């Protein structure tokens, strides 16, 4: 039985949420994986070591067990997947920050490993990147350089980056490894919180990439390549209208094949705008984002045919936070990212999400990641609530369709070029609970997701035929 009846659940929950009694409220969770904040003072390494004011040491240790049953990924000539999959994903970070008047510097070591995976696991560099400096930069921070009350920060070196709501550029959170970049990054922030960021970088390639090395957690230094360049501008207007923020961006990615590096020769310009009103108790909120992507690209890293690239992405969201002690919020969402209409028309219409994250919108990633921001049309709803300052809950339901029924379902590499298998990928239902056991120091995160396979995953020529997919994870996070 398909879960279409779940669309009725938000309507049923609304009167229950509104009827809650008044009690201490909690801030709604952001679109990341961090537990709700607390007023308690957490234990910190800097304080314990009695470090000078100009030096801060901090770190995290995260362990997550993941289990998947009913593999949706299609086998390829080089890879055969197990019908079920599991692993332990461990991520440990240690970070040092130096602040001396206007001078600043940061070094951050991240060790991302897996255990218990085998050759049939959905394992790649999004899970493993052992013993790597993901940040190592120096910079300058000045105030009042342009006008009173403003702040300008310029850094050079290896760094991570979040832009907007992180759909196109993100420091990954749920994912075990993260995107990072070598280069220059300048941020100007006005007193009104309007801002402008300009950057020129070389994206860092995580190494090693071969399966044997990933299974063994081998250490190999990551590297950037001058033949892959990423730069752009990102501007934020803090108040376009009362309580309404606007953002405008221009992103450029230019890559070319080089010795030891095969690329899809993407030469992409991405122009976008985003407008939002943030959630607030007893008020409606919204978020709209649209991006146009054009230029040239190849269909894959082995193709020699240059295609005109023309793709679109749209996100629409409307929410309401009830005036109740748990601050329950109901959100209606819709995402559309175009797919390629035809492999023979000289165009590539598949939207490229660049260096974005997707966990908070499309369910857990890791060895799951059933929906991606590419060739997808996905309406859905989400309910979040904070029963206490230390606990937040979420239930979400997404429908997933192919925007182009002749293009691939990219998370599973499943495709029917004829379009005769339909466009219904399926429905994703997710439940999640996060508990700050020791606020600021130790938290638990538990989630369950179920993908109800649609006609496309049942009928496509290279589909697995495994039917529905179950996924569960349990995560601990220690911060110090």
Protein backbone atom coordinates (compact mmCIF):
# COMPACT_ATOMS: atom_id res chain seq x y z
CA UNK A 1 0.00 0.00 0.00
CA UNK A 2 1.44 3.37 -1.05
CA UNK A 3 1.66 6.07 1.65
CA UNK A 4 -0.29 8.80 -0.16
CA UNK A 5 -2.50 9.12 2.90
CA UNK A 6 0.48 10.67 4.70
CA UNK A 7 -0.27 13.93 2.93
CA UNK A 8 -3.19 14.27 5.33
CA UNK A 9 -0.92 14.09 8.38
CA UNK A 10 0.02 17.82 8.53
CA UNK A 11 -3.67 18.75 8.67
CA UNK A 12 -4.21 16.32 11.52
CA UNK A 13 -1.20 17.57 13.45
CA UNK A 14 -2.03 21.27 13.25
CA UNK A 15 -4.82 21.42 15.86
CA UNK A 16 -2.85 19.16 18.21
CA UNK A 17 0.17 21.43 18.00
CA UNK A 18 -1.85 24.58 18.58
CA UNK A 19 -3.42 23.10 21.70
CA UNK A 20 -0.15 22.58 23.57
CA UNK A 21 0.22 24.32 26.93
CA UNK A 22 2.76 27.10 27.47
CA UNK A 23 6.22 26.02 28.66
CA UNK A 24 9.85 27.08 28.06
CA UNK A 25 10.35 27.23 24.32
CA UNK A 26 13.31 26.24 22.15
CA UNK A 27 14.73 27.67 18.97
CA UNK A 28 13.65 25.76 15.82
CA UNK A 29 16.55 23.77 14.36
CA UNK A 30 18.47 25.29 11.46
CA UNK A 31 18.98 23.47 8.18
CA UNK A 32 21.99 21.60 9.59
CA UNK A 33 22.50 18.61 11.83
CA UNK A 34 23.34 20.41 15.08
CA UNK A 35 21.16 19.70 18.15
CA UNK A 36 19.16 22.46 19.78
CA UNK A 37 21.21 24.99 21.71
CA UNK A 38 21.30 25.23 25.49
CA UNK A 39 22.04 27.92 28.11
CA UNK A 40 24.30 25.56 30.05
CA UNK A 41 28.01 26.27 29.79
CA UNK A 42 29.66 23.31 28.01
CA UNK A 43 33.11 21.93 28.82
CA UNK A 44 35.73 23.25 26.45
CA UNK A 45 39.32 22.25 25.75
CA UNK A 46 40.44 25.90 25.70
CA UNK A 47 39.22 26.47 29.23
CA UNK A 48 40.59 23.18 30.56
CA UNK A 49 44.06 23.94 29.19
CA UNK A 50 43.89 27.58 30.36
CA UNK A 51 45.01 28.78 26.94
CA UNK A 52 45.79 32.44 26.26
CA UNK A 53 43.00 34.61 24.91
CA UNK A 54 44.49 34.65 21.39
CA UNK A 55 44.46 30.83 21.00
CA UNK A 56 41.49 28.46 20.86
CA UNK A 57 41.62 24.67 20.57
CA UNK A 58 38.43 22.71 19.89
CA UNK A 59 37.34 19.42 18.43
CA UNK A 60 34.63 16.85 17.79
CA UNK A 61 34.30 13.09 17.60
CA UNK A 62 31.33 11.62 15.78
CA UNK A 63 30.47 7.94 15.37
CA UNK A 64 27.54 6.82 13.23
CA UNK A 65 26.22 3.36 12.47
CA UNK A 66 24.29 3.11 9.19
CA UNK A 67 22.26 0.22 7.83
CA UNK A 68 20.50 -0.05 4.47
CA UNK A 69 18.30 -2.88 3.20
CA UNK A 70 16.97 -2.98 -0.36
CA UNK A 71 19.72 -1.38 -2.46
CA UNK A 72 18.36 1.03 -5.11
CA UNK A 73 21.70 1.65 -6.87
CA UNK A 74 22.20 -0.07 -10.21
CA UNK A 75 25.29 -2.20 -10.80
CA UNK A 76 27.81 -1.00 -13.35
CA UNK A 77 30.69 -2.55 -15.29
CA UNK A 78 33.08 -1.69 -12.46
CA UNK A 79 30.84 -2.04 -9.41
CA UNK A 80 28.40 -4.61 -8.00
CA UNK A 81 26.40 -3.54 -4.96
CA UNK A 82 25.17 -5.74 -2.12
CA UNK A 83 21.40 -5.86 -1.65
CA UNK A 84 21.98 -4.70 1.94
CA UNK A 85 24.73 -2.48 3.29
CA UNK A 86 26.10 -1.30 6.62
CA UNK A 87 29.10 0.50 8.07
CA UNK A 88 30.44 2.56 10.95
CA UNK A 89 31.38 6.09 9.85
CA UNK A 90 33.79 7.88 12.20
CA UNK A 91 34.74 11.54 11.93
CA UNK A 92 37.17 13.27 14.30
CA UNK A 93 38.23 16.92 14.07
CA UNK A 94 40.80 19.02 15.90
CA UNK A 95 40.90 22.75 15.24
CA UNK A 96 43.22 25.59 16.31
CA UNK A 97 42.25 29.26 15.89
CA UNK A 98 44.61 32.20 16.40
CA UNK A 99 43.40 35.79 16.80
CA UNK A 100 45.96 38.60 17.25
CA UNK A 101 44.30 41.98 16.76
CA UNK A 102 43.53 42.05 13.02
CA UNK A 103 45.45 38.87 12.19
CA UNK A 104 43.71 35.51 12.19
CA UNK A 105 44.70 31.95 11.31
CA UNK A 106 43.03 28.55 11.45
CA UNK A 107 44.20 24.96 11.07
CA UNK A 108 41.70 22.10 11.18
CA UNK A 109 42.50 18.41 10.93
CA UNK A 110 39.68 16.03 9.97
CA UNK A 111 39.97 12.26 10.07
CA UNK A 112 37.05 10.55 8.31
CA UNK A 113 37.07 6.74 8.26
CA UNK A 114 34.78 3.74 7.89
CA UNK A 115 34.73 0.28 9.41
CA UNK A 116 32.79 -2.87 8.50
CA UNK A 117 32.20 -1.88 4.85
CA UNK A 118 33.02 -4.39 2.11
CA UNK A 119 33.46 -4.38 -1.67
CA UNK A 120 29.68 -4.30 -2.19
CA UNK A 121 29.17 -1.16 -0.10
CA UNK A 122 28.16 2.24 -1.48
CA UNK A 123 31.53 3.60 -0.42
CA UNK A 124 33.32 6.61 -1.89
CA UNK A 125 35.17 9.75 -0.84
CA UNK A 126 32.02 11.21 0.73
CA UNK A 127 32.63 8.73 3.57
CA UNK A 128 36.42 8.29 3.74
CA UNK A 129 39.15 10.96 3.79
CA UNK A 130 41.64 9.92 6.46
CA UNK A 131 43.95 12.34 8.31
CA UNK A 132 43.51 15.45 6.20
CA UNK A 133 43.85 19.18 6.88
CA UNK A 134 40.51 20.50 5.62
CA UNK A 135 41.39 24.05 6.67
CA UNK A 136 44.73 25.84 6.85
CA UNK A 137 44.47 29.56 6.21
CA UNK A 138 45.61 32.96 7.41
CA UNK A 139 43.79 36.22 7.11
CA UNK A 140 42.94 39.75 8.13
CA UNK A 141 39.85 41.19 9.80
CA UNK A 142 39.23 44.92 9.90
CA UNK A 143 36.36 47.08 11.08
CA UNK A 144 35.09 50.31 9.61
CA UNK A 145 37.14 50.01 6.43
CA UNK A 146 34.28 51.11 4.16
CA UNK A 147 31.84 52.70 6.60
CA UNK A 148 31.19 52.79 10.34
CA UNK A 149 30.00 49.54 11.83
CA UNK A 150 31.10 47.29 8.98
CA UNK A 151 33.56 44.37 9.06
CA UNK A 152 35.82 43.02 6.32
CA UNK A 153 37.44 39.60 6.51
CA UNK A 154 39.93 38.28 3.96
CA UNK A 155 41.50 34.83 4.15
CA UNK A 156 43.89 32.93 1.90
CA UNK A 157 44.62 29.22 2.01
CA UNK A 158 42.55 26.07 2.38
CA UNK A 159 39.07 26.63 3.79
CA UNK A 160 35.46 25.45 3.89
CA UNK A 161 32.53 27.60 2.82
CA UNK A 162 28.75 27.91 3.26
CA UNK A 163 26.74 30.05 0.84
CA UNK A 164 23.09 30.90 1.50
CA UNK A 165 21.10 27.84 2.45
CA UNK A 166 23.98 25.62 1.28
CA UNK A 167 22.25 24.12 -1.77
CA UNK A 168 25.12 24.96 -4.12
CA UNK A 169 28.12 25.46 -1.82
CA UNK A 170 28.37 23.90 1.62
CA UNK A 171 30.57 22.67 4.39
CA UNK A 172 28.96 19.26 4.68
CA UNK A 173 27.58 18.27 8.07
CA UNK A 174 25.80 14.90 7.97
CA UNK A 175 28.16 13.66 5.25
CA UNK A 176 31.30 12.14 6.75
CA UNK A 177 33.69 14.24 4.63
CA UNK A 178 33.40 17.82 3.48
CA UNK A 179 34.01 20.05 0.48
CA UNK A 180 36.90 22.48 0.80
CA UNK A 181 38.80 24.93 -1.39
CA UNK A 182 42.25 26.46 -1.86
CA UNK A 183 42.26 30.16 -2.58
CA UNK A 184 41.14 33.64 -1.60
CA UNK A 185 37.86 34.47 0.16
CA UNK A 186 36.77 38.01 1.10
CA UNK A 187 33.62 38.85 3.07
CA UNK A 188 32.26 42.35 3.73
CA UNK A 189 29.44 42.69 6.30
CA UNK A 190 27.62 45.95 6.97
CA UNK A 191 26.14 47.09 10.26
CA UNK A 192 22.70 46.12 8.93
CA UNK A 193 23.99 42.53 8.31
CA UNK A 194 23.88 42.99 4.54
CA UNK A 195 26.97 41.39 3.05
CA UNK A 196 29.00 40.68 -0.07
CA UNK A 197 31.36 37.75 -0.52
CA UNK A 198 33.90 37.42 -3.33
CA UNK A 199 36.07 34.34 -3.78
CA UNK A 200 38.48 32.72 -6.21
CA UNK A 201 39.38 29.11 -5.43
CA UNK A 202 40.59 25.75 -6.64
CA UNK A 203 38.28 22.98 -5.33
CA UNK A 204 40.14 20.33 -3.35
CA UNK A 205 39.99 16.76 -4.66
CA UNK A 206 39.70 14.11 -1.94
CA UNK A 207 42.21 11.27 -2.21
CA UNK A 208 42.53 8.34 -2.56
CA UNK A 209 39.57 7.42 -4.77
CA UNK A 210 40.00 3.70 -5.48
CA UNK A 211 37.82 1.25 -3.56
CA UNK A 212 40.67 -0.81 -2.06
CA UNK A 213 42.27 2.27 -0.51
CA UNK A 214 38.92 3.51 0.83
CA UNK A 215 38.21 0.14 2.43
CA UNK A 216 41.63 0.26 4.10
CA UNK A 217 41.30 3.93 5.18
CA UNK A 218 44.56 4.71 3.41
CA UNK A 219 46.06 8.15 3.93
CA UNK A 220 46.86 10.23 0.85
CA UNK A 221 47.09 14.01 0.81
CA UNK A 222 44.21 15.78 -0.91
CA UNK A 223 45.10 18.20 -3.67
CA UNK A 224 43.68 20.98 -5.80
CA UNK A 225 44.40 21.42 -9.51
CA UNK A 226 44.80 24.67 -11.41
CA UNK A 227 42.72 23.13 -14.23
CA UNK A 228 39.63 23.19 -11.96
CA UNK A 229 38.67 26.71 -10.85
CA UNK A 230 35.65 27.98 -8.92
CA UNK A 231 34.91 31.64 -8.23
CA UNK A 232 31.99 33.97 -7.71
CA UNK A 233 30.09 36.68 -5.87
CA UNK A 234 27.36 36.23 -3.26
CA UNK A 235 25.41 39.24 -2.01
CA UNK A 236 22.87 39.44 0.82
CA UNK A 237 20.42 42.28 1.46
CA UNK A 238 19.39 41.92 5.09
CA UNK A 239 15.98 43.55 4.68
CA UNK A 240 14.51 43.88 1.21
CA UNK A 241 11.13 44.31 2.90
CA UNK A 242 10.33 44.16 6.62
CA UNK A 243 11.52 40.73 7.85
CA UNK A 244 12.30 39.64 4.26
CA UNK A 245 15.90 38.91 3.25
CA UNK A 246 17.13 38.72 -0.34
CA UNK A 247 20.25 37.13 -1.85
CA UNK A 248 21.75 37.29 -5.33
CA UNK A 249 24.66 35.18 -6.60
CA UNK A 250 26.92 34.52 -9.56
CA UNK A 251 29.04 31.35 -9.54
CA UNK A 252 31.58 30.18 -12.14
CA UNK A 253 33.03 26.69 -12.46
CA UNK A 254 35.66 26.00 -15.13
CA UNK A 255 37.35 22.61 -15.36
CA UNK A 256 39.52 20.91 -17.96
CA UNK A 257 41.13 17.48 -18.22
CA UNK A 258 44.74 17.30 -17.10
CA UNK A 259 47.33 14.62 -16.39
CA UNK A 260 45.81 12.15 -13.96
CA UNK A 261 42.48 14.00 -13.77
CA UNK A 262 39.50 13.25 -16.01
CA UNK A 263 36.65 15.77 -15.79
CA UNK A 264 33.34 16.46 -17.50
CA UNK A 265 34.91 19.69 -18.80
CA UNK A 266 32.26 21.77 -17.14
CA UNK A 267 32.32 25.48 -17.98
CA UNK A 268 29.26 26.57 -16.04
CA UNK A 269 27.79 29.91 -15.05
CA UNK A 270 25.14 29.73 -12.32
CA UNK A 271 23.02 32.83 -11.67
CA UNK A 272 20.54 32.70 -8.83
CA UNK A 273 18.40 34.57 -6.37
CA UNK A 274 16.91 33.65 -3.04
CA UNK A 275 14.34 35.38 -0.86
CA UNK A 276 13.16 34.31 2.58
CA UNK A 277 11.34 35.22 5.73
CA UNK A 278 12.77 33.31 8.68
CA UNK A 279 10.57 31.14 10.94
CA UNK A 280 9.18 32.90 14.01
CA UNK A 281 6.70 31.85 16.67
CA UNK A 282 3.10 32.45 15.61
CA UNK A 283 4.07 33.62 12.11
CA UNK A 284 4.20 32.41 8.53
CA UNK A 285 7.56 32.09 6.79
CA UNK A 286 8.69 31.33 3.28
CA UNK A 287 11.73 30.65 1.12
CA UNK A 288 12.06 30.96 -2.66
CA UNK A 289 15.20 30.17 -4.64
CA UNK A 290 15.76 29.92 -8.38
CA UNK A 291 18.94 29.34 -10.37
CA UNK A 292 19.77 29.34 -14.07
CA UNK A 293 22.81 27.38 -15.15
CA UNK A 294 24.34 27.75 -18.60
CA UNK A 295 27.61 27.23 -20.47
CA UNK A 296 29.04 23.96 -21.76
CA UNK A 297 29.74 20.49 -20.40
CA UNK A 298 30.24 16.87 -21.37
CA UNK A 299 27.77 14.17 -20.35
CA UNK A 300 30.43 12.37 -18.28
CA UNK A 301 34.19 12.22 -17.66
CA UNK A 302 34.85 9.87 -20.60
CA UNK A 303 32.82 11.70 -23.27
CA UNK A 304 34.65 13.84 -25.85
CA UNK A 305 31.48 15.60 -27.05
CA UNK A 306 30.92 19.16 -25.89
CA UNK A 307 27.28 19.99 -25.14
CA UNK A 308 25.50 23.29 -24.60
CA UNK A 309 24.51 23.39 -20.95
CA UNK A 310 21.11 24.89 -20.08
CA UNK A 311 19.49 23.89 -16.78
CA UNK A 312 17.21 25.25 -14.05
CA UNK A 313 16.58 24.79 -10.35
CA UNK A 314 13.66 26.05 -8.22
CA UNK A 315 12.84 25.71 -4.52
CA UNK A 316 9.55 26.83 -2.98
CA UNK A 317 8.71 26.54 0.71
CA UNK A 318 5.96 27.94 2.92
CA UNK A 319 5.86 27.32 6.65
CA UNK A 320 4.07 28.25 9.85
CA UNK A 321 5.39 28.03 13.41
CA UNK A 322 2.58 27.51 15.90
CA UNK A 323 2.36 29.70 19.01
CA UNK A 324 2.87 26.75 21.33
CA UNK A 325 5.44 25.58 23.84
CA UNK A 326 7.05 23.02 21.48
CA UNK A 327 7.28 25.57 18.63
CA UNK A 328 6.02 23.02 16.09
CA UNK A 329 6.54 24.14 12.52
CA UNK A 330 4.75 22.81 9.45
CA UNK A 331 6.44 23.37 6.08
CA UNK A 332 5.20 22.62 2.58
CA UNK A 333 8.05 22.19 0.09
CA UNK A 334 8.63 21.75 -3.61
CA UNK A 335 11.92 21.32 -5.46
CA UNK A 336 12.51 21.05 -9.19
CA UNK A 337 15.87 20.49 -10.85
CA UNK A 338 15.84 19.88 -14.59
CA UNK A 339 17.04 16.71 -16.28
CA UNK A 340 18.44 16.13 -19.75
CA UNK A 341 15.69 15.97 -22.36
CA UNK A 342 17.61 13.99 -24.98
CA UNK A 343 21.13 12.55 -25.24
CA UNK A 344 21.25 13.41 -28.96
CA UNK A 345 20.07 17.04 -29.13
CA UNK A 346 23.47 18.63 -28.45
CA UNK A 347 22.35 19.98 -25.06
CA UNK A 348 22.83 18.99 -21.44
CA UNK A 349 19.82 20.09 -19.40
CA UNK A 350 20.69 18.26 -16.18
CA UNK A 351 21.14 20.70 -13.28
CA UNK A 352 24.50 20.46 -11.50
CA UNK A 353 24.32 21.08 -7.75
CA UNK A 354 28.05 22.01 -7.72
CA UNK A 355 29.33 21.69 -4.13
CA UNK A 356 25.99 21.69 -2.32
CA UNK A 357 24.51 19.68 0.55
CA UNK A 358 21.09 17.99 0.61
CA UNK A 359 20.54 16.11 3.87
CA UNK A 360 18.12 18.59 5.51
CA UNK A 361 15.82 18.59 2.48
CA UNK A 362 16.10 15.15 0.89
CA UNK A 363 16.79 12.81 3.81
CA UNK A 364 19.98 11.22 5.15
CA UNK A 365 22.95 10.85 2.82
CA UNK A 366 25.80 8.51 3.83
CA UNK A 367 25.13 5.12 2.23
CA UNK A 368 21.52 6.23 1.60
CA UNK A 369 21.02 9.54 -0.26
CA UNK A 370 17.92 8.51 -2.19
CA UNK A 371 17.04 11.96 -3.61
CA UNK A 372 19.42 14.45 -5.20
CA UNK A 373 19.08 17.97 -6.60
CA UNK A 374 19.27 16.76 -10.20
CA UNK A 375 16.53 15.62 -12.63
CA UNK A 376 13.93 15.68 -9.90
CA UNK A 377 10.47 17.04 -9.18
CA UNK A 378 9.78 16.63 -5.46
CA UNK A 379 6.77 17.99 -3.54
CA UNK A 380 6.51 17.22 0.15
CA UNK A 381 5.95 18.39 3.71
CA UNK A 382 7.88 18.48 6.96
CA UNK A 383 6.97 18.94 10.64
CA UNK A 384 9.55 19.87 13.29
CA UNK A 385 9.11 20.41 17.03
CA UNK A 386 11.18 21.02 20.17
CA UNK A 387 9.54 19.32 23.18
CA UNK A 388 12.44 20.61 25.33
CA UNK A 389 15.52 22.76 24.81
CA UNK A 390 17.55 19.56 24.42
CA UNK A 391 15.24 17.56 22.13
CA UNK A 392 14.06 18.17 18.59
CA UNK A 393 11.87 15.92 16.47
CA UNK A 394 11.10 15.79 12.77
CA UNK A 395 8.86 13.86 10.41
CA UNK A 396 9.00 14.40 6.64
CA UNK A 397 7.39 13.01 3.52
CA UNK A 398 8.61 13.57 -0.04
CA UNK A 399 7.34 12.43 -3.42
CA UNK A 400 10.10 12.02 -6.01
CA UNK A 401 9.53 12.11 -9.77
CA UNK A 402 11.95 12.39 -12.67
CA UNK A 403 11.75 15.84 -14.27
CA UNK A 404 12.77 14.11 -17.52
CA UNK A 405 11.68 10.48 -17.81
CA UNK A 406 14.39 9.79 -20.40
CA UNK A 407 17.24 10.98 -18.14
CA UNK A 408 18.82 9.12 -15.23
CA UNK A 409 17.71 8.84 -11.64
CA UNK A 410 21.11 10.14 -10.56
CA UNK A 411 21.39 8.77 -6.98
CA UNK A 412 20.93 5.22 -8.28
CA UNK A 413 22.31 5.57 -11.83
CA UNK A 414 19.08 4.02 -13.12
CA UNK A 415 17.86 5.06 -16.55
CA UNK A 416 15.38 4.22 -19.28
CA UNK A 417 16.34 6.24 -22.39
CA UNK A 418 12.99 5.34 -23.99
CA UNK A 419 10.96 6.93 -21.17
CA UNK A 420 8.65 3.89 -21.11
CA UNK A 421 9.26 3.16 -17.41
CA UNK A 422 7.42 6.26 -16.24
CA UNK A 423 8.66 9.08 -14.03
CA UNK A 424 7.64 7.99 -10.50
CA UNK A 425 10.79 7.24 -8.48
CA UNK A 426 8.88 6.77 -5.24
CA UNK A 427 8.04 8.30 -1.88
CA UNK A 428 10.44 8.96 0.98
CA UNK A 429 9.25 9.00 4.60
CA UNK A 430 11.68 10.03 7.31
CA UNK A 431 11.59 10.22 11.12
CA UNK A 432 14.37 11.80 13.17
CA UNK A 433 15.07 12.55 16.86
CA UNK A 434 18.06 14.49 18.23
CA UNK A 435 18.83 14.74 21.94
CA UNK A 436 21.49 16.91 23.59
CA UNK A 437 22.31 14.58 26.49
CA UNK A 438 25.02 16.92 27.80
CA UNK A 439 24.18 20.21 26.07
CA UNK A 440 27.10 21.50 24.08
CA UNK A 441 29.20 18.40 24.73
CA UNK A 442 27.38 15.16 23.91
CA UNK A 443 24.36 14.43 21.73
CA UNK A 444 22.50 11.50 20.18
CA UNK A 445 20.92 11.50 16.74
CA UNK A 446 18.62 8.72 15.54
CA UNK A 447 16.85 8.47 12.20
CA UNK A 448 14.77 6.08 10.10
CA UNK A 449 13.93 6.48 6.41
CA UNK A 450 11.86 4.36 4.05
CA UNK A 451 11.81 4.72 0.26
CA UNK A 452 8.63 3.32 -1.27
CA UNK A 453 9.78 2.34 -4.76
CA UNK A 454 7.68 3.79 -7.58
CA UNK A 455 7.01 2.43 -11.05
CA UNK A 456 10.31 3.73 -12.42
CA UNK A 457 12.42 1.80 -9.87
CA UNK A 458 10.24 -1.26 -10.48
CA UNK A 459 10.35 -1.21 -14.29
CA UNK A 460 13.50 0.56 -15.57
CA UNK A 461 15.78 -1.77 -17.60
CA UNK A 462 18.75 -1.57 -15.21
CA UNK A 463 16.79 -1.20 -11.94
CA UNK A 464 17.77 -3.59 -9.15
CA UNK A 465 14.30 -5.01 -8.64
CA UNK A 466 14.89 -4.90 -4.87
CA UNK A 467 11.66 -2.97 -4.22
CA UNK A 468 11.45 -0.67 -1.20
CA UNK A 469 14.52 0.53 0.68
CA UNK A 470 14.91 0.80 4.46
CA UNK A 471 17.60 2.89 6.14
CA UNK A 472 18.42 3.52 9.80
CA UNK A 473 21.23 5.32 11.59
CA UNK A 474 22.34 6.00 15.16
CA UNK A 475 24.89 8.72 15.79
CA UNK A 476 26.80 10.06 18.77
CA UNK A 477 28.58 13.42 18.75
CA UNK A 478 31.15 14.57 21.32
CA UNK A 479 32.19 18.24 21.18
CA UNK A 480 34.99 19.73 23.24
